[in-house]
Amino acid sequence: AAEAGDIPVLNDEKTRRKVKAKHIFGKNLFDNEIGKVMTDRAIKLLERVGLGDRQTAYPCELSGGQCQRVAIARALALEPDVLCFDEPTSALDPELTGEVLKVIKGLKSSDRTMIVVTHEMEFARGVADKVIFMANGIIEEEGTPEEVFGNPKSEKTIAFLRKSAEAV
């Protein structure tokens, strides 16, 4: 291929951008033992969220659900005590929702607090230790999943759960 500076001249723009990104970011800045440990940890986290086979994929090559799981892996890399999810499935196609919810459900066994804002009521019922139902920024009801879903007290909670059940 003909050369244009240090980047080969390629026919399609997408490939050209990938090659340029590889030239800029391709070298591990920590090309030592720390870098190896960090790389191994990143690979393990990707495997934990079901993406071990996508280690070299670019964001444009991933589905919405896969991007969401990469974001979870990146958050886990920081070893937080608390993970916050704000509608983690809201922008996903229904068939991709399950893969993200499965990962979050798998994190429940880890020793960390998770705060999940969701409209996925069955998911919340299955994984939550505590449920807080809010309407218009006000806490309407809180308790265990059994209390909130099985015996709601608030009229707004009852109405919301009824509508959620009808939508399914």
C-alpha atoms as a PDB file:
ATOM      1  CA  ALA A   1       0.000   0.000   0.000  1.00  0.00           C
ATOM      2  CA  ALA A   2       1.132   3.537  -0.651  1.00  0.00           C
ATOM      3  CA  GLU A   3       2.101   5.460   2.469  1.00  0.00           C
ATOM      4  CA  ALA A   4       0.664   8.757   3.714  1.00  0.00           C
ATOM      5  CA  GLY A   5       2.846   9.647   6.673  1.00  0.00           C
ATOM      6  CA  ASP A   6       2.851   6.643   8.961  1.00  0.00           C
ATOM      7  CA  ILE A   7      -0.703   5.550   8.127  1.00  0.00           C
ATOM      8  CA  PRO A   8      -1.228   3.312   5.116  1.00  0.00           C
ATOM      9  CA  VAL A   9      -3.555   4.691   2.453  1.00  0.00           C
ATOM     10  CA  LEU A  10      -6.650   2.529   2.625  1.00  0.00           C
ATOM     11  CA  ASN A  11      -9.726   2.498   0.481  1.00  0.00           C
ATOM     12  CA  ASP A  12     -12.483   2.720   3.036  1.00  0.00           C
ATOM     13  CA  GLU A  13     -12.757   5.427   5.698  1.00  0.00           C
ATOM     14  CA  LYS A  14     -13.837   3.078   8.499  1.00  0.00           C
ATOM     15  CA  THR A  15     -10.726   0.933   8.080  1.00  0.00           C
ATOM     16  CA  ARG A  16      -8.537   4.027   7.847  1.00  0.00           C
ATOM     17  CA  ARG A  17      -9.936   5.319  11.165  1.00  0.00           C
ATOM     18  CA  LYS A  18      -9.368   1.943  12.828  1.00  0.00           C
ATOM     19  CA  VAL A  19      -5.766   1.833  11.651  1.00  0.00           C
ATOM     20  CA  LYS A  20      -5.186   5.374  12.894  1.00  0.00           C
ATOM     21  CA  ALA A  21      -6.688   4.526  16.281  1.00  0.00           C
ATOM     22  CA  LYS A  22      -4.465   1.454  16.504  1.00  0.00           C
ATOM     23  CA  HIS A  23      -1.416   3.597  15.772  1.00  0.00           C
ATOM     24  CA  ILE A  24      -2.395   6.108  18.435  1.00  0.00           C
ATOM     25  CA  PHE A  25      -3.753   3.801  21.144  1.00  0.00           C
ATOM     26  CA  GLY A  26      -2.430   0.387  20.146  1.00  0.00           C
ATOM     27  CA  LYS A  27       0.616   0.376  22.418  1.00  0.00           C
ATOM     28  CA  ASN A  28       0.001  -0.402  26.057  1.00  0.00           C
ATOM     29  CA  LEU A  29       1.215   2.615  28.018  1.00  0.00           C
ATOM     30  CA  PHE A  30       2.092   0.268  30.865  1.00  0.00           C
ATOM     31  CA  ASP A  31       4.273  -2.125  28.908  1.00  0.00           C
ATOM     32  CA  ASN A  32       5.439  -3.912  32.056  1.00  0.00           C
ATOM     33  CA  GLU A  33       4.160  -6.185  34.811  1.00  0.00           C
ATOM     34  CA  ILE A  34       1.508  -3.662  35.897  1.00  0.00           C
ATOM     35  CA  GLY A  35       0.222  -3.530  32.324  1.00  0.00           C
ATOM     36  CA  LYS A  36      -0.029  -7.317  32.201  1.00  0.00           C
ATOM     37  CA  VAL A  37      -1.955  -7.400  35.473  1.00  0.00           C
ATOM     38  CA  MET A  38      -4.304  -4.664  34.244  1.00  0.00           C
ATOM     39  CA  THR A  39      -4.833  -6.456  30.928  1.00  0.00           C
ATOM     40  CA  ASP A  40      -5.519  -9.781  32.670  1.00  0.00           C
ATOM     41  CA  ARG A  41      -8.007  -8.071  34.981  1.00  0.00           C
ATOM     42  CA  ALA A  42      -9.776  -6.391  32.062  1.00  0.00           C
ATOM     43  CA  ILE A  43     -10.057  -9.718  30.247  1.00  0.00           C
ATOM     44  CA  LYS A  44     -11.484 -11.406  33.370  1.00  0.00           C
ATOM     45  CA  LEU A  45     -14.054  -8.631  33.772  1.00  0.00           C
ATOM     46  CA  LEU A  46     -15.085  -8.920  30.127  1.00  0.00           C
ATOM     47  CA  GLU A  47     -15.450 -12.678  30.607  1.00  0.00           C
ATOM     48  CA  ARG A  48     -17.524 -12.049  33.737  1.00  0.00           C
ATOM     49  CA  VAL A  49     -20.019  -9.998  31.717  1.00  0.00           C
ATOM     50  CA  GLY A  50     -20.041 -12.572  28.907  1.00  0.00           C
ATOM     51  CA  LEU A  51     -17.805 -10.711  26.450  1.00  0.00           C
ATOM     52  CA  GLY A  52     -14.503 -12.557  26.682  1.00  0.00           C
ATOM     53  CA  ASP A  53     -14.635 -13.182  22.945  1.00  0.00           C
ATOM     54  CA  ARG A  54     -15.070  -9.462  22.151  1.00  0.00           C
ATOM     55  CA  GLN A  55     -11.831  -8.143  23.704  1.00  0.00           C
ATOM     56  CA  THR A  56     -10.590  -6.554  20.490  1.00  0.00           C
ATOM     57  CA  ALA A  57     -13.946  -5.280  19.215  1.00  0.00           C
ATOM     58  CA  TYR A  58     -14.543  -1.590  18.613  1.00  0.00           C
ATOM     59  CA  PRO A  59     -17.665   0.048  20.088  1.00  0.00           C
ATOM     60  CA  CYS A  60     -19.174   0.371  16.603  1.00  0.00           C
ATOM     61  CA  GLU A  61     -18.959  -3.431  16.303  1.00  0.00           C
ATOM     62  CA  LEU A  62     -20.937  -4.087  19.496  1.00  0.00           C
ATOM     63  CA  SER A  63     -24.683  -4.242  20.046  1.00  0.00           C
ATOM     64  CA  GLY A  64     -26.363  -1.921  22.530  1.00  0.00           C
ATOM     65  CA  GLY A  65     -26.502  -4.704  25.106  1.00  0.00           C
ATOM     66  CA  GLN A  66     -22.830  -5.488  24.592  1.00  0.00           C
ATOM     67  CA  CYS A  67     -21.898  -1.811  25.017  1.00  0.00           C
ATOM     68  CA  GLN A  68     -23.907  -1.741  28.234  1.00  0.00           C
ATOM     69  CA  ARG A  69     -22.054  -4.831  29.513  1.00  0.00           C
ATOM     70  CA  VAL A  70     -18.679  -3.271  28.614  1.00  0.00           C
ATOM     71  CA  ALA A  71     -19.739  -0.221  30.655  1.00  0.00           C
ATOM     72  CA  ILE A  72     -20.507  -2.517  33.592  1.00  0.00           C
ATOM     73  CA  ALA A  73     -17.080  -4.181  33.258  1.00  0.00           C
ATOM     74  CA  ARG A  74     -15.401  -0.765  33.186  1.00  0.00           C
ATOM     75  CA  ALA A  75     -17.280   0.268  36.328  1.00  0.00           C
ATOM     76  CA  LEU A  76     -16.286  -2.981  38.064  1.00  0.00           C
ATOM     77  CA  ALA A  77     -12.632  -2.309  37.212  1.00  0.00           C
ATOM     78  CA  LEU A  78     -12.755   0.613  39.655  1.00  0.00           C
ATOM     79  CA  GLU A  79     -13.779  -1.790  42.450  1.00  0.00           C
ATOM     80  CA  PRO A  80     -16.584   0.437  43.752  1.00  0.00           C
ATOM     81  CA  ASP A  81     -18.457  -0.269  46.976  1.00  0.00           C
ATOM     82  CA  VAL A  82     -21.662   0.933  45.298  1.00  0.00           C
ATOM     83  CA  LEU A  83     -22.769   0.471  41.686  1.00  0.00           C
ATOM     84  CA  CYS A  84     -25.563   2.700  40.391  1.00  0.00           C
ATOM     85  CA  PHE A  85     -27.661   1.743  37.366  1.00  0.00           C
ATOM     86  CA  ASP A  86     -30.087   4.291  35.941  1.00  0.00           C
ATOM     87  CA  GLU A  87     -32.508   2.434  33.679  1.00  0.00           C
ATOM     88  CA  PRO A  88     -29.768   0.131  32.317  1.00  0.00           C
ATOM     89  CA  THR A  89     -32.123  -1.427  29.768  1.00  0.00           C
ATOM     90  CA  SER A  90     -34.208   1.568  28.695  1.00  0.00           C
ATOM     91  CA  ALA A  91     -32.477   2.151  25.345  1.00  0.00           C
ATOM     92  CA  LEU A  92     -32.189  -1.518  24.420  1.00  0.00           C
ATOM     93  CA  ASP A  93     -34.209  -3.706  22.108  1.00  0.00           C
ATOM     94  CA  PRO A  94     -36.280  -6.215  24.099  1.00  0.00           C
ATOM     95  CA  GLU A  95     -34.092  -9.133  22.993  1.00  0.00           C
ATOM     96  CA  LEU A  96     -30.978  -7.374  24.369  1.00  0.00           C
ATOM     97  CA  THR A  97     -32.566  -6.499  27.711  1.00  0.00           C
ATOM     98  CA  GLY A  98     -32.183 -10.020  29.076  1.00  0.00           C
ATOM     99  CA  GLU A  99     -28.422 -10.159  28.612  1.00  0.00           C
ATOM    100  CA  VAL A 100     -27.888  -6.959  30.630  1.00  0.00           C
ATOM    101  CA  LEU A 101     -30.317  -8.000  33.370  1.00  0.00           C
ATOM    102  CA  LYS A 102     -28.561 -11.384  33.603  1.00  0.00           C
ATOM    103  CA  VAL A 103     -25.217  -9.638  34.247  1.00  0.00           C
ATOM    104  CA  ILE A 104     -26.709  -7.351  36.912  1.00  0.00           C
ATOM    105  CA  LYS A 105     -28.405 -10.334  38.548  1.00  0.00           C
ATOM    106  CA  GLY A 106     -25.040 -12.132  38.589  1.00  0.00           C
ATOM    107  CA  LEU A 107     -23.470  -9.185  40.414  1.00  0.00           C
ATOM    108  CA  LYS A 108     -25.931  -9.584  43.284  1.00  0.00           C
ATOM    109  CA  SER A 109     -23.742 -12.274  44.839  1.00  0.00           C
ATOM    110  CA  SER A 110     -20.756  -9.916  45.018  1.00  0.00           C
ATOM    111  CA  ASP A 111     -20.137  -7.972  48.196  1.00  0.00           C
ATOM    112  CA  ARG A 112     -21.264  -4.593  46.913  1.00  0.00           C
ATOM    113  CA  THR A 113     -24.343  -2.445  47.100  1.00  0.00           C
ATOM    114  CA  MET A 114     -26.279  -1.878  43.900  1.00  0.00           C
ATOM    115  CA  ILE A 115     -28.831   0.851  43.359  1.00  0.00           C
ATOM    116  CA  VAL A 116     -30.948   0.117  40.299  1.00  0.00           C
ATOM    117  CA  VAL A 117     -33.558   2.472  38.884  1.00  0.00           C
ATOM    118  CA  THR A 118     -35.793   0.341  36.685  1.00  0.00           C
ATOM    119  CA  HIS A 119     -39.253  -0.199  35.276  1.00  0.00           C
ATOM    120  CA  GLU A 120     -38.480  -3.939  34.957  1.00  0.00           C
ATOM    121  CA  MET A 121     -40.736  -5.003  37.834  1.00  0.00           C
ATOM    122  CA  GLU A 122     -40.172  -8.762  37.630  1.00  0.00           C
ATOM    123  CA  PHE A 123     -36.423  -8.179  37.599  1.00  0.00           C
ATOM    124  CA  ALA A 124     -36.685  -5.898  40.653  1.00  0.00           C
ATOM    125  CA  ARG A 125     -38.847  -8.455  42.439  1.00  0.00           C
ATOM    126  CA  GLY A 126     -36.289 -11.189  41.768  1.00  0.00           C
ATOM    127  CA  VAL A 127     -33.059  -9.427  42.725  1.00  0.00           C
ATOM    128  CA  ALA A 128     -33.848  -6.619  45.140  1.00  0.00           C
ATOM    129  CA  ASP A 129     -33.298  -6.855  48.875  1.00  0.00           C
ATOM    130  CA  LYS A 130     -35.158  -3.575  49.301  1.00  0.00           C
ATOM    131  CA  VAL A 131     -37.592  -1.844  46.937  1.00  0.00           C
ATOM    132  CA  ILE A 132     -38.373   1.853  46.942  1.00  0.00           C
ATOM    133  CA  PHE A 133     -41.266   2.905  44.730  1.00  0.00           C
ATOM    134  CA  MET A 134     -41.221   6.582  43.784  1.00  0.00           C
ATOM    135  CA  ALA A 135     -43.745   8.733  41.948  1.00  0.00           C
ATOM    136  CA  ASN A 136     -43.016  12.332  40.957  1.00  0.00           C
ATOM    137  CA  GLY A 137     -39.831  12.322  43.041  1.00  0.00           C
ATOM    138  CA  ILE A 138     -41.621  11.271  46.224  1.00  0.00           C
ATOM    139  CA  ILE A 139     -41.176   7.935  47.978  1.00  0.00           C
ATOM    140  CA  GLU A 140     -44.591   6.295  47.886  1.00  0.00           C
ATOM    141  CA  GLU A 141     -43.621   2.976  49.370  1.00  0.00           C
ATOM    142  CA  GLU A 142     -40.600   1.009  50.530  1.00  0.00           C
ATOM    143  CA  GLY A 143     -39.968  -2.434  51.887  1.00  0.00           C
ATOM    144  CA  THR A 144     -38.923  -5.910  50.896  1.00  0.00           C
ATOM    145  CA  PRO A 145     -39.942  -7.149  47.445  1.00  0.00           C
ATOM    146  CA  GLU A 146     -42.530  -9.361  49.151  1.00  0.00           C
ATOM    147  CA  GLU A 147     -44.058  -6.361  50.935  1.00  0.00           C
ATOM    148  CA  VAL A 148     -44.060  -3.924  48.022  1.00  0.00           C
ATOM    149  CA  PHE A 149     -45.085  -6.379  45.295  1.00  0.00           C
ATOM    150  CA  GLY A 150     -47.169  -8.780  47.371  1.00  0.00           C
ATOM    151  CA  ASN A 151     -49.025  -6.367  49.622  1.00  0.00           C
ATOM    152  CA  PRO A 152     -48.619  -2.765  48.429  1.00  0.00           C
ATOM    153  CA  LYS A 153     -50.152  -0.051  50.608  1.00  0.00           C
ATOM    154  CA  SER A 154     -49.917   3.038  48.399  1.00  0.00           C
ATOM    155  CA  GLU A 155     -52.633   3.610  45.800  1.00  0.00           C
ATOM    156  CA  LYS A 156     -49.983   4.805  43.325  1.00  0.00           C
ATOM    157  CA  THR A 157     -47.951   1.630  43.836  1.00  0.00           C
ATOM    158  CA  ILE A 158     -51.046  -0.519  43.347  1.00  0.00           C
ATOM    159  CA  ALA A 159     -51.992   1.356  40.162  1.00  0.00           C
ATOM    160  CA  PHE A 160     -48.462   1.157  38.744  1.00  0.00           C
ATOM    161  CA  LEU A 161     -48.128  -2.559  39.442  1.00  0.00           C
ATOM    162  CA  ARG A 162     -51.547  -3.200  37.887  1.00  0.00           C
ATOM    163  CA  LYS A 163     -50.538  -1.311  34.717  1.00  0.00           C
ATOM    164  CA  SER A 164     -47.202  -3.135  34.610  1.00  0.00           C
ATOM    165  CA  ALA A 165     -48.960  -6.497  34.860  1.00  0.00           C
ATOM    166  CA  GLU A 166     -51.407  -5.548  32.087  1.00  0.00           C
ATOM    167  CA  ALA A 167     -48.551  -4.507  29.791  1.00  0.00           C
ATOM    168  CA  VAL A 168     -47.008  -7.982  30.011  1.00  0.00           C
END
